[in-house]
C-alpha cells in the first residue's frame, strides 16, 4: 500500500509557474500598449477613430487567442481541433457584422 502512495506522489506534475508568469507579463504588455493607444492616438478625425478601433480589435483578438491557447490548452492540440473552434467564431462575427451593416439602417426607414 505504501508503494502505491509513493507512486502517486511521483506522478504529480511540477507547477507551471514560469509559464503563468510569462502569460501574465505578455498580457500586461499588450494591455499597456492598449492604454498607450487610448491616450496617445487622437480620435478627432475619422481616420484616427477607425485606427484606434481597429487596433483595439486586433489586440483584443491577440489577447483572447493567447488566453485560449494557454489556459484552455489549445496551444498543443491538433490543428483541426483549433479550426473547429476558430472557424465558427469567424462565421458568427461575419454574420453579426453583415446584419449590422446591411440591415442596421432598415429599422429607421420603416418607422
PDB file of N, CA and C in Angstrom:
ATOM      1  N   UNK A   1       0.815  -1.186   0.000  1.00  0.00           N
ATOM      2  CA  UNK A   1       0.000   0.000   0.000  1.00  0.00           C
ATOM      3  C   UNK A   1       0.865   1.258   0.000  1.00  0.00           C
ATOM      4  N   UNK A   2       1.976   1.211   0.724  1.00  0.00           N
ATOM      5  CA  UNK A   2       2.851   2.380   0.790  1.00  0.00           C
ATOM      6  C   UNK A   2       3.499   2.666  -0.560  1.00  0.00           C
ATOM      7  N   UNK A   3       3.791   1.610  -1.322  1.00  0.00           N
ATOM      8  CA  UNK A   3       4.367   1.803  -2.653  1.00  0.00           C
ATOM      9  C   UNK A   3       3.385   2.528  -3.576  1.00  0.00           C
ATOM     10  N   UNK A   4       2.116   2.204  -3.443  1.00  0.00           N
ATOM     11  CA  UNK A   4       1.101   2.835  -4.274  1.00  0.00           C
ATOM     12  C   UNK A   4       1.024   4.340  -3.983  1.00  0.00           C
ATOM     13  N   UNK A   5       1.103   4.724  -2.743  1.00  0.00           N
ATOM     14  CA  UNK A   5       1.065   6.141  -2.361  1.00  0.00           C
ATOM     15  C   UNK A   5       2.297   6.861  -2.882  1.00  0.00           C
ATOM     16  N   UNK A   6       3.452   6.255  -2.808  1.00  0.00           N
ATOM     17  CA  UNK A   6       4.671   6.875  -3.312  1.00  0.00           C
ATOM     18  C   UNK A   6       4.604   7.060  -4.821  1.00  0.00           C
ATOM     19  N   UNK A   7       4.031   6.116  -5.546  1.00  0.00           N
ATOM     20  CA  UNK A   7       3.902   6.231  -6.993  1.00  0.00           C
ATOM     21  C   UNK A   7       2.969   7.375  -7.380  1.00  0.00           C
ATOM     22  N   UNK A   8       1.927   7.583  -6.611  1.00  0.00           N
ATOM     23  CA  UNK A   8       1.012   8.687  -6.889  1.00  0.00           C
ATOM     24  C   UNK A   8       1.738  10.010  -6.727  1.00  0.00           C
ATOM     25  N   UNK A   9       2.535  10.143  -5.674  1.00  0.00           N
ATOM     26  CA  UNK A   9       3.285  11.374  -5.456  1.00  0.00           C
ATOM     27  C   UNK A   9       4.319  11.599  -6.552  1.00  0.00           C
ATOM     28  N   UNK A  10       4.905  10.537  -7.079  1.00  0.00           N
ATOM     29  CA  UNK A  10       5.924  10.668  -8.122  1.00  0.00           C
ATOM     30  C   UNK A  10       5.315  11.101  -9.449  1.00  0.00           C
ATOM     31  N   UNK A  11       4.030  10.795  -9.671  1.00  0.00           N
ATOM     32  CA  UNK A  11       3.387  11.131 -10.932  1.00  0.00           C
ATOM     33  C   UNK A  11       2.857  12.561 -10.985  1.00  0.00           C
ATOM     34  N   UNK A  12       2.880  13.263  -9.881  1.00  0.00           N
ATOM     35  CA  UNK A  12       2.381  14.636  -9.874  1.00  0.00           C
ATOM     36  C   UNK A  12       3.274  15.513 -10.738  1.00  0.00           C
ATOM     37  N   UNK A  13       2.638  16.428 -11.440  1.00  0.00           N
ATOM     38  CA  UNK A  13       3.391  17.335 -12.286  1.00  0.00           C
ATOM     39  C   UNK A  13       3.899  18.512 -11.457  1.00  0.00           C
ATOM     40  N   UNK A  14       5.006  19.063 -11.931  1.00  0.00           N
ATOM     41  CA  UNK A  14       5.530  20.252 -11.278  1.00  0.00           C
ATOM     42  C   UNK A  14       4.638  21.437 -11.617  1.00  0.00           C
ATOM     43  N   UNK A  15       4.495  22.382 -10.710  1.00  0.00           N
ATOM     44  CA  UNK A  15       3.691  23.565 -11.033  1.00  0.00           C
ATOM     45  C   UNK A  15       4.335  24.367 -12.158  1.00  0.00           C
ATOM     46  N   UNK A  16       3.503  24.903 -13.017  1.00  0.00           N
ATOM     47  CA  UNK A  16       4.000  25.630 -14.181  1.00  0.00           C
ATOM     48  C   UNK A  16       3.933  27.134 -13.927  1.00  0.00           C
ATOM     49  N   UNK A  17       4.572  27.566 -12.865  1.00  0.00           N
ATOM     50  CA  UNK A  17       4.502  28.986 -12.516  1.00  0.00           C
ATOM     51  C   UNK A  17       5.270  29.848 -13.506  1.00  0.00           C
ATOM     52  N   UNK A  18       6.343  29.319 -14.102  1.00  0.00           N
ATOM     53  CA  UNK A  18       7.075  30.097 -15.104  1.00  0.00           C
ATOM     54  C   UNK A  18       6.184  30.442 -16.281  1.00  0.00           C
ATOM     55  N   UNK A  19       5.433  29.465 -16.762  1.00  0.00           N
ATOM     56  CA  UNK A  19       4.534  29.679 -17.900  1.00  0.00           C
ATOM     57  C   UNK A  19       3.435  30.684 -17.546  1.00  0.00           C
ATOM     58  N   UNK A  20       2.906  30.579 -16.325  1.00  0.00           N
ATOM     59  CA  UNK A  20       1.859  31.516 -15.911  1.00  0.00           C
ATOM     60  C   UNK A  20       2.389  32.941 -15.805  1.00  0.00           C
ATOM     61  N   UNK A  21       3.590  33.113 -15.276  1.00  0.00           N
ATOM     62  CA  UNK A  21       4.173  34.464 -15.189  1.00  0.00           C
ATOM     63  C   UNK A  21       4.480  35.013 -16.580  1.00  0.00           C
ATOM     64  N   UNK A  22       4.901  34.139 -17.474  1.00  0.00           N
ATOM     65  CA  UNK A  22       5.164  34.577 -18.846  1.00  0.00           C
ATOM     66  C   UNK A  22       3.873  35.080 -19.493  1.00  0.00           C
ATOM     67  N   UNK A  23       2.789  34.322 -19.320  1.00  0.00           N
ATOM     68  CA  UNK A  23       1.490  34.743 -19.844  1.00  0.00           C
ATOM     69  C   UNK A  23       1.063  36.061 -19.211  1.00  0.00           C
ATOM     70  N   UNK A  24       1.247  36.190 -17.915  1.00  0.00           N
ATOM     71  CA  UNK A  24       0.892  37.420 -17.211  1.00  0.00           C
ATOM     72  C   UNK A  24       1.623  38.624 -17.795  1.00  0.00           C
ATOM     73  N   UNK A  25       2.926  38.505 -17.988  1.00  0.00           N
ATOM     74  CA  UNK A  25       3.704  39.640 -18.490  1.00  0.00           C
ATOM     75  C   UNK A  25       3.355  39.985 -19.934  1.00  0.00           C
ATOM     76  N   UNK A  26       3.091  38.983 -20.740  1.00  0.00           N
ATOM     77  CA  UNK A  26       2.708  39.254 -22.131  1.00  0.00           C
ATOM     78  C   UNK A  26       1.362  39.962 -22.182  1.00  0.00           C
ATOM     79  N   UNK A  27       0.389  39.478 -21.407  1.00  0.00           N
ATOM     80  CA  UNK A  27      -0.929  40.121 -21.391  1.00  0.00           C
ATOM     81  C   UNK A  27      -0.857  41.518 -20.795  1.00  0.00           C
ATOM     82  N   UNK A  28       0.001  41.704 -19.801  1.00  0.00           N
ATOM     83  CA  UNK A  28       0.188  43.038 -19.226  1.00  0.00           C
ATOM     84  C   UNK A  28       0.800  43.988 -20.245  1.00  0.00           C
ATOM     85  N   UNK A  29       1.746  43.511 -21.017  1.00  0.00           N
ATOM     86  CA  UNK A  29       2.370  44.339 -22.054  1.00  0.00           C
ATOM     87  C   UNK A  29       1.354  44.740 -23.123  1.00  0.00           C
ATOM     88  N   UNK A  30       0.543  43.803 -23.562  1.00  0.00           N
ATOM     89  CA  UNK A  30      -0.467  44.119 -24.575  1.00  0.00           C
ATOM     90  C   UNK A  30      -1.487  45.111 -24.021  1.00  0.00           C
ATOM     91  N   UNK A  31      -1.875  44.948 -22.756  1.00  0.00           N
ATOM     92  CA  UNK A  31      -2.815  45.881 -22.133  1.00  0.00           C
ATOM     93  C   UNK A  31      -2.190  47.257 -21.999  1.00  0.00           C
ATOM     94  N   UNK A  32      -0.905  47.326 -21.680  1.00  0.00           N
ATOM     95  CA  UNK A  32      -0.225  48.618 -21.597  1.00  0.00           C
ATOM     96  C   UNK A  32      -0.185  49.299 -22.968  1.00  0.00           C
ATOM     97  N   UNK A  33       0.039  48.515 -24.009  1.00  0.00           N
ATOM     98  CA  UNK A  33       0.022  49.071 -25.363  1.00  0.00           C
ATOM     99  C   UNK A  33      -1.370  49.616 -25.683  1.00  0.00           C
ATOM    100  N   UNK A  34      -2.408  48.918 -25.248  1.00  0.00           N
ATOM    101  CA  UNK A  34      -3.772  49.408 -25.463  1.00  0.00           C
ATOM    102  C   UNK A  34      -4.002  50.731 -24.748  1.00  0.00           C
ATOM    103  N   UNK A  35      -3.482  50.866 -23.530  1.00  0.00           N
ATOM    104  CA  UNK A  35      -3.622  52.132 -22.811  1.00  0.00           C
ATOM    105  C   UNK A  35      -2.879  53.262 -23.509  1.00  0.00           C
ATOM    106  N   UNK A  36      -1.692  52.967 -24.008  1.00  0.00           N
ATOM    107  CA  UNK A  36      -0.936  53.986 -24.743  1.00  0.00           C
ATOM    108  C   UNK A  36      -1.704  54.415 -25.989  1.00  0.00           C
ATOM    109  N   UNK A  37      -2.265  53.462 -26.693  1.00  0.00           N
ATOM    110  CA  UNK A  37      -3.062  53.786 -27.877  1.00  0.00           C
ATOM    111  C   UNK A  37      -4.270  54.634 -27.496  1.00  0.00           C
ATOM    112  N   UNK A  38      -4.914  54.291 -26.395  1.00  0.00           N
ATOM    113  CA  UNK A  38      -6.121  55.005 -25.981  1.00  0.00           C
ATOM    114  C   UNK A  38      -5.836  56.466 -25.665  1.00  0.00           C
ATOM    115  N   UNK A  39      -4.670  56.742 -25.089  1.00  0.00           N
ATOM    116  CA  UNK A  39      -4.383  58.113 -24.665  1.00  0.00           C
ATOM    117  C   UNK A  39      -3.499  58.888 -25.631  1.00  0.00           C
ATOM    118  N   UNK A  40      -2.872  58.235 -26.594  1.00  0.00           N
ATOM    119  CA  UNK A  40      -1.968  58.929 -27.495  1.00  0.00           C
ATOM    120  C   UNK A  40      -2.551  59.186 -28.885  1.00  0.00           C
ATOM    121  N   UNK A  41      -3.361  58.294 -29.388  1.00  0.00           N
ATOM    122  CA  UNK A  41      -3.940  58.489 -30.712  1.00  0.00           C
ATOM    123  C   UNK A  41      -5.219  59.303 -30.553  1.00  0.00           C
ATOM    124  N   UNK A  42      -5.256  60.456 -31.201  1.00  0.00           N
ATOM    125  CA  UNK A  42      -6.453  61.286 -31.085  1.00  0.00           C
ATOM    126  C   UNK A  42      -7.540  60.744 -32.006  1.00  0.00           C
ATOM    127  N   UNK A  43      -8.748  60.807 -31.519  1.00  0.00           N
ATOM    128  CA  UNK A  43      -9.864  60.319 -32.324  1.00  0.00           C
ATOM    129  C   UNK A  43     -10.697  61.495 -32.841  1.00  0.00           C
ATOM    130  N   UNK A  44     -10.019  62.628 -33.097  1.00  0.00           N
ATOM    131  CA  UNK A  44     -10.709  63.792 -33.638  1.00  0.00           C
ATOM    132  C   UNK A  44     -11.115  63.549 -35.091  1.00  0.00           C
ATOM    133  N   UNK A  45     -10.213  62.975 -35.856  1.00  0.00           N
ATOM    134  CA  UNK A  45     -10.520  62.709 -37.261  1.00  0.00           C
ATOM    135  C   UNK A  45     -11.160  61.334 -37.406  1.00  0.00           C
ATOM    136  N   UNK A  46     -11.755  61.128 -38.547  1.00  0.00           N
ATOM    137  CA  UNK A  46     -12.368  59.833 -38.839  1.00  0.00           C
ATOM    138  C   UNK A  46     -11.315  58.729 -38.916  1.00  0.00           C
ATOM    139  N   UNK A  47     -10.155  59.067 -39.519  1.00  0.00           N
ATOM    140  CA  UNK A  47      -9.079  58.084 -39.651  1.00  0.00           C
ATOM    141  C   UNK A  47      -8.548  57.680 -38.278  1.00  0.00           C
ATOM    142  N   UNK A  48      -8.354  58.639 -37.373  1.00  0.00           N
ATOM    143  CA  UNK A  48      -7.852  58.333 -36.033  1.00  0.00           C
ATOM    144  C   UNK A  48      -8.808  57.473 -35.235  1.00  0.00           C
ATOM    145  N   UNK A  49     -10.101  57.760 -35.405  1.00  0.00           N
ATOM    146  CA  UNK A  49     -11.109  56.977 -34.703  1.00  0.00           C
ATOM    147  C   UNK A  49     -11.099  55.530 -35.178  1.00  0.00           C
ATOM    148  N   UNK A  50     -11.086  55.322 -36.495  1.00  0.00           N
ATOM    149  CA  UNK A  50     -11.107  53.964 -37.031  1.00  0.00           C
ATOM    150  C   UNK A  50      -9.788  53.238 -36.807  1.00  0.00           C
ATOM    151  N   UNK A  51      -8.683  53.971 -36.804  1.00  0.00           N
ATOM    152  CA  UNK A  51      -7.395  53.359 -36.490  1.00  0.00           C
ATOM    153  C   UNK A  51      -7.385  52.838 -35.054  1.00  0.00           C
ATOM    154  N   UNK A  52      -7.885  53.657 -34.145  1.00  0.00           N
ATOM    155  CA  UNK A  52      -7.926  53.257 -32.735  1.00  0.00           C
ATOM    156  C   UNK A  52      -8.831  52.040 -32.550  1.00  0.00           C
ATOM    157  N   UNK A  53      -9.991  52.054 -33.153  1.00  0.00           N
ATOM    158  CA  UNK A  53     -10.917  50.926 -33.035  1.00  0.00           C
ATOM    159  C   UNK A  53     -10.301  49.658 -33.630  1.00  0.00           C
ATOM    160  N   UNK A  54      -9.674  49.795 -34.790  1.00  0.00           N
ATOM    161  CA  UNK A  54      -9.061  48.630 -35.442  1.00  0.00           C
ATOM    162  C   UNK A  54      -7.940  48.046 -34.590  1.00  0.00           C
ATOM    163  N   UNK A  55      -7.103  48.910 -34.033  1.00  0.00           N
ATOM    164  CA  UNK A  55      -6.012  48.418 -33.189  1.00  0.00           C
ATOM    165  C   UNK A  55      -6.538  47.741 -31.933  1.00  0.00           C
ATOM    166  N   UNK A  56      -7.597  48.295 -31.333  1.00  0.00           N
ATOM    167  CA  UNK A  56      -8.179  47.655 -30.153  1.00  0.00           C
ATOM    168  C   UNK A  56      -8.737  46.280 -30.481  1.00  0.00           C
ATOM    169  N   UNK A  57      -9.399  46.153 -31.618  1.00  0.00           N
ATOM    170  CA  UNK A  57      -9.961  44.859 -32.008  1.00  0.00           C
ATOM    171  C   UNK A  57      -8.850  43.846 -32.261  1.00  0.00           C
ATOM    172  N   UNK A  58      -7.809  44.257 -32.966  1.00  0.00           N
ATOM    173  CA  UNK A  58      -6.691  43.346 -33.255  1.00  0.00           C
ATOM    174  C   UNK A  58      -6.005  42.902 -31.975  1.00  0.00           C
ATOM    175  N   UNK A  59      -5.720  43.849 -31.078  1.00  0.00           N
ATOM    176  CA  UNK A  59      -5.046  43.493 -29.827  1.00  0.00           C
ATOM    177  C   UNK A  59      -5.940  42.643 -28.927  1.00  0.00           C
ATOM    178  N   UNK A  60      -7.237  42.875 -28.958  1.00  0.00           N
ATOM    179  CA  UNK A  60      -8.151  42.044 -28.180  1.00  0.00           C
ATOM    180  C   UNK A  60      -8.160  40.612 -28.702  1.00  0.00           C
ATOM    181  N   UNK A  61      -8.133  40.450 -30.025  1.00  0.00           N
ATOM    182  CA  UNK A  61      -8.054  39.096 -30.591  1.00  0.00           C
ATOM    183  C   UNK A  61      -6.734  38.422 -30.227  1.00  0.00           C
ATOM    184  N   UNK A  62      -5.643  39.174 -30.246  1.00  0.00           N
ATOM    185  CA  UNK A  62      -4.347  38.605 -29.863  1.00  0.00           C
ATOM    186  C   UNK A  62      -4.400  38.115 -28.422  1.00  0.00           C
ATOM    187  N   UNK A  63      -4.946  38.941 -27.531  1.00  0.00           N
ATOM    188  CA  UNK A  63      -5.047  38.531 -26.131  1.00  0.00           C
ATOM    189  C   UNK A  63      -5.972  37.334 -25.965  1.00  0.00           C
ATOM    190  N   UNK A  64      -7.094  37.336 -26.657  1.00  0.00           N
ATOM    191  CA  UNK A  64      -8.037  36.234 -26.481  1.00  0.00           C
ATOM    192  C   UNK A  64      -7.467  34.919 -27.012  1.00  0.00           C
ATOM    193  N   UNK A  65      -6.800  34.964 -28.165  1.00  0.00           N
ATOM    194  CA  UNK A  65      -6.195  33.735 -28.680  1.00  0.00           C
ATOM    195  C   UNK A  65      -5.074  33.249 -27.768  1.00  0.00           C
ATOM    196  N   UNK A  66      -4.332  34.155 -27.179  1.00  0.00           N
ATOM    197  CA  UNK A  66      -3.267  33.751 -26.263  1.00  0.00           C
ATOM    198  C   UNK A  66      -3.848  33.124 -25.004  1.00  0.00           C
ATOM    199  N   UNK A  67      -4.924  33.709 -24.481  1.00  0.00           N
ATOM    200  CA  UNK A  67      -5.571  33.154 -23.290  1.00  0.00           C
ATOM    201  C   UNK A  67      -6.164  31.780 -23.593  1.00  0.00           C
ATOM    202  N   UNK A  68      -6.856  31.669 -24.714  1.00  0.00           N
ATOM    203  CA  UNK A  68      -7.455  30.382 -25.084  1.00  0.00           C
ATOM    204  C   UNK A  68      -6.373  29.328 -25.316  1.00  0.00           C
ATOM    205  N   UNK A  69      -5.306  29.713 -25.973  1.00  0.00           N
ATOM    206  CA  UNK A  69      -4.230  28.762 -26.239  1.00  0.00           C
ATOM    207  C   UNK A  69      -3.530  28.288 -24.984  1.00  0.00           C
ATOM    208  N   UNK A  70      -3.374  29.184 -24.023  1.00  0.00           N
ATOM    209  CA  UNK A  70      -2.637  28.831 -22.816  1.00  0.00           C
ATOM    210  C   UNK A  70      -3.525  28.171 -21.764  1.00  0.00           C
ATOM    211  N   UNK A  71      -4.615  28.830 -21.399  1.00  0.00           N
ATOM    212  CA  UNK A  71      -5.407  28.350 -20.273  1.00  0.00           C
ATOM    213  C   UNK A  71      -6.417  27.275 -20.654  1.00  0.00           C
ATOM    214  N   UNK A  72      -6.813  27.220 -21.911  1.00  0.00           N
ATOM    215  CA  UNK A  72      -7.713  26.146 -22.339  1.00  0.00           C
ATOM    216  C   UNK A  72      -6.928  25.033 -23.026  1.00  0.00           C
ATOM    217  N   UNK A  73      -5.613  25.142 -23.010  1.00  0.00           N
ATOM    218  CA  UNK A  73      -4.695  24.115 -23.502  1.00  0.00           C
ATOM    219  C   UNK A  73      -4.898  23.785 -24.977  1.00  0.00           C
ATOM    220  N   UNK A  74      -5.308  24.761 -25.767  1.00  0.00           N
ATOM    221  CA  UNK A  74      -5.474  24.531 -27.194  1.00  0.00           C
ATOM    222  C   UNK A  74      -4.180  24.756 -27.970  1.00  0.00           C
ATOM    223  N   UNK A  75      -3.186  25.295 -27.310  1.00  0.00           N
ATOM    224  CA  UNK A  75      -1.916  25.559 -27.980  1.00  0.00           C
ATOM    225  C   UNK A  75      -1.241  24.268 -28.445  1.00  0.00           C
ATOM    226  N   UNK A  76      -1.444  23.194 -27.707  1.00  0.00           N
ATOM    227  CA  UNK A  76      -0.772  21.937 -28.019  1.00  0.00           C
ATOM    228  C   UNK A  76      -1.709  20.927 -28.671  1.00  0.00           C
ATOM    229  N   UNK A  77      -2.856  21.383 -29.113  1.00  0.00           N
ATOM    230  CA  UNK A  77      -3.830  20.477 -29.725  1.00  0.00           C
ATOM    231  C   UNK A  77      -3.582  20.357 -31.224  1.00  0.00           C
ATOM    232  N   UNK A  78      -4.320  19.451 -31.822  1.00  0.00           N
ATOM    233  CA  UNK A  78      -4.265  19.228 -33.259  1.00  0.00           C
ATOM    234  C   UNK A  78      -4.877  20.448 -33.954  1.00  0.00           C
ATOM    235  N   UNK A  79      -4.316  20.811 -35.097  1.00  0.00           N
ATOM    236  CA  UNK A  79      -4.785  21.997 -35.823  1.00  0.00           C
ATOM    237  C   UNK A  79      -6.255  21.887 -36.222  1.00  0.00           C
ATOM    238  N   UNK A  80      -6.721  20.700 -36.515  1.00  0.00           N
ATOM    239  CA  UNK A  80      -8.127  20.533 -36.899  1.00  0.00           C
ATOM    240  C   UNK A  80      -9.055  20.916 -35.751  1.00  0.00           C
ATOM    241  N   UNK A  81      -8.676  20.579 -34.525  1.00  0.00           N
ATOM    242  CA  UNK A  81      -9.492  20.943 -33.369  1.00  0.00           C
ATOM    243  C   UNK A  81      -9.502  22.455 -33.180  1.00  0.00           C
ATOM    244  N   UNK A  82      -8.374  23.091 -33.389  1.00  0.00           N
ATOM    245  CA  UNK A  82      -8.303  24.548 -33.258  1.00  0.00           C
ATOM    246  C   UNK A  82      -9.214  25.209 -34.292  1.00  0.00           C
ATOM    247  N   UNK A  83      -9.197  24.700 -35.516  1.00  0.00           N
ATOM    248  CA  UNK A  83     -10.046  25.288 -36.557  1.00  0.00           C
ATOM    249  C   UNK A  83     -11.525  25.044 -36.296  1.00  0.00           C
ATOM    250  N   UNK A  84     -11.865  23.951 -35.617  1.00  0.00           N
ATOM    251  CA  UNK A  84     -13.271  23.728 -35.284  1.00  0.00           C
ATOM    252  C   UNK A  84     -13.763  24.713 -34.236  1.00  0.00           C
ATOM    253  N   UNK A  85     -12.856  25.309 -33.497  1.00  0.00           N
ATOM    254  CA  UNK A  85     -13.223  26.347 -32.534  1.00  0.00           C
ATOM    255  C   UNK A  85     -13.205  27.718 -33.199  1.00  0.00           C
ATOM    256  N   UNK A  86     -12.185  28.001 -33.998  1.00  0.00           N
ATOM    257  CA  UNK A  86     -11.987  29.337 -34.563  1.00  0.00           C
ATOM    258  C   UNK A  86     -12.953  29.619 -35.718  1.00  0.00           C
ATOM    259  N   UNK A  87     -13.171  28.656 -36.574  1.00  0.00           N
ATOM    260  CA  UNK A  87     -13.997  28.886 -37.766  1.00  0.00           C
ATOM    261  C   UNK A  87     -15.434  29.293 -37.434  1.00  0.00           C
ATOM    262  N   UNK A  88     -16.122  28.628 -36.514  1.00  0.00           N
ATOM    263  CA  UNK A  88     -17.471  29.100 -36.182  1.00  0.00           C
ATOM    264  C   UNK A  88     -17.482  30.512 -35.593  1.00  0.00           C
ATOM    265  N   UNK A  89     -16.473  30.856 -34.841  1.00  0.00           N
ATOM    266  CA  UNK A  89     -16.406  32.207 -34.279  1.00  0.00           C
ATOM    267  C   UNK A  89     -16.266  33.230 -35.396  1.00  0.00           C
ATOM    268  N   UNK A  90     -15.461  32.921 -36.408  1.00  0.00           N
ATOM    269  CA  UNK A  90     -15.298  33.835 -37.543  1.00  0.00           C
ATOM    270  C   UNK A  90     -16.621  33.996 -38.285  1.00  0.00           C
ATOM    271  N   UNK A  91     -17.337  32.899 -38.492  1.00  0.00           N
ATOM    272  CA  UNK A  91     -18.627  32.982 -39.183  1.00  0.00           C
ATOM    273  C   UNK A  91     -19.662  33.758 -38.367  1.00  0.00           C
ATOM    274  N   UNK A  92     -19.666  33.572 -37.074  1.00  0.00           N
ATOM    275  CA  UNK A  92     -20.612  34.308 -36.224  1.00  0.00           C
ATOM    276  C   UNK A  92     -20.305  35.803 -36.264  1.00  0.00           C
ATOM    277  N   UNK A  93     -19.028  36.166 -36.187  1.00  0.00           N
ATOM    278  CA  UNK A  93     -18.666  37.582 -36.278  1.00  0.00           C
ATOM    279  C   UNK A  93     -19.032  38.163 -37.641  1.00  0.00           C
ATOM    280  N   UNK A  94     -18.791  37.412 -38.711  1.00  0.00           N
ATOM    281  CA  UNK A  94     -19.174  37.870 -40.046  1.00  0.00           C
ATOM    282  C   UNK A  94     -20.683  38.071 -40.134  1.00  0.00           C
ATOM    283  N   UNK A  95     -21.453  37.141 -39.561  1.00  0.00           N
ATOM    284  CA  UNK A  95     -22.905  37.229 -39.577  1.00  0.00           C
ATOM    285  C   UNK A  95     -23.387  38.475 -38.836  1.00  0.00           C
ATOM    286  N   UNK A  96     -22.829  38.744 -37.671  1.00  0.00           N
ATOM    287  CA  UNK A  96     -23.215  39.923 -36.896  1.00  0.00           C
ATOM    288  C   UNK A  96     -22.871  41.195 -37.654  1.00  0.00           C
ATOM    289  N   UNK A  97     -21.669  41.266 -38.212  1.00  0.00           N
ATOM    290  CA  UNK A  97     -21.279  42.463 -38.962  1.00  0.00           C
ATOM    291  C   UNK A  97     -22.146  42.646 -40.207  1.00  0.00           C
ATOM    292  N   UNK A  98     -22.479  41.563 -40.895  1.00  0.00           N
ATOM    293  CA  UNK A  98     -23.330  41.670 -42.077  1.00  0.00           C
ATOM    294  C   UNK A  98     -24.722  42.152 -41.702  1.00  0.00           C
ATOM    295  N   UNK A  99     -25.258  41.645 -40.611  1.00  0.00           N
ATOM    296  CA  UNK A  99     -26.580  42.099 -40.183  1.00  0.00           C
ATOM    297  C   UNK A  99     -26.565  43.573 -39.793  1.00  0.00           C
ATOM    298  N   UNK A 100     -25.554  43.991 -39.077  1.00  0.00           N
ATOM    299  CA  UNK A 100     -25.481  45.391 -38.665  1.00  0.00           C
ATOM    300  C   UNK A 100     -25.290  46.296 -39.871  1.00  0.00           C
ATOM    301  N   UNK A 101     -24.439  45.895 -40.801  1.00  0.00           N
ATOM    302  CA  UNK A 101     -24.132  46.747 -41.953  1.00  0.00           C
ATOM    303  C   UNK A 101     -25.305  46.826 -42.938  1.00  0.00           C
ATOM    304  N   UNK A 102     -25.862  45.669 -43.295  1.00  0.00           N
ATOM    305  CA  UNK A 102     -26.893  45.653 -44.329  1.00  0.00           C
ATOM    306  C   UNK A 102     -28.296  45.900 -43.782  1.00  0.00           C
ATOM    307  N   UNK A 103     -28.567  45.455 -42.587  1.00  0.00           N
ATOM    308  CA  UNK A 103     -29.916  45.568 -42.050  1.00  0.00           C
ATOM    309  C   UNK A 103     -30.014  46.599 -40.927  1.00  0.00           C
ATOM    310  N   UNK A 104     -28.915  47.202 -40.545  1.00  0.00           N
ATOM    311  CA  UNK A 104     -28.916  48.113 -39.415  1.00  0.00           C
ATOM    312  C   UNK A 104     -29.729  49.378 -39.640  1.00  0.00           C
ATOM    313  N   UNK A 105     -29.728  49.914 -40.831  1.00  0.00           N
ATOM    314  CA  UNK A 105     -30.469  51.134 -41.109  1.00  0.00           C
ATOM    315  C   UNK A 105     -31.903  50.888 -41.507  1.00  0.00           C
ATOM    316  N   UNK A 106     -32.287  49.665 -41.645  1.00  0.00           N
ATOM    317  CA  UNK A 106     -33.625  49.340 -42.135  1.00  0.00           C
ATOM    318  C   UNK A 106     -34.699  49.773 -41.149  1.00  0.00           C
ATOM    319  N   UNK A 107     -34.440  49.610 -39.845  1.00  0.00           N
ATOM    320  CA  UNK A 107     -35.469  49.922 -38.861  1.00  0.00           C
ATOM    321  C   UNK A 107     -35.803  51.416 -38.856  1.00  0.00           C
ATOM    322  N   UNK A 108     -34.826  52.251 -39.193  1.00  0.00           N
ATOM    323  CA  UNK A 108     -35.102  53.687 -39.240  1.00  0.00           C
ATOM    324  C   UNK A 108     -35.963  54.060 -40.440  1.00  0.00           C
ATOM    325  N   UNK A 109     -35.831  53.355 -41.542  1.00  0.00           N
ATOM    326  CA  UNK A 109     -36.609  53.682 -42.730  1.00  0.00           C
ATOM    327  C   UNK A 109     -38.039  53.147 -42.653  1.00  0.00           C
ATOM    328  N   UNK A 110     -38.265  52.126 -41.842  1.00  0.00           N
ATOM    329  CA  UNK A 110     -39.606  51.556 -41.710  1.00  0.00           C
ATOM    330  C   UNK A 110     -40.467  52.428 -40.825  1.00  0.00           C
ATOM    331  N   UNK A 111     -39.892  52.967 -39.762  1.00  0.00           N
ATOM    332  CA  UNK A 111     -40.688  53.759 -38.818  1.00  0.00           C
ATOM    333  C   UNK A 111     -40.906  55.086 -39.416  1.00  0.00           C
TER     334      UNK A 111
END
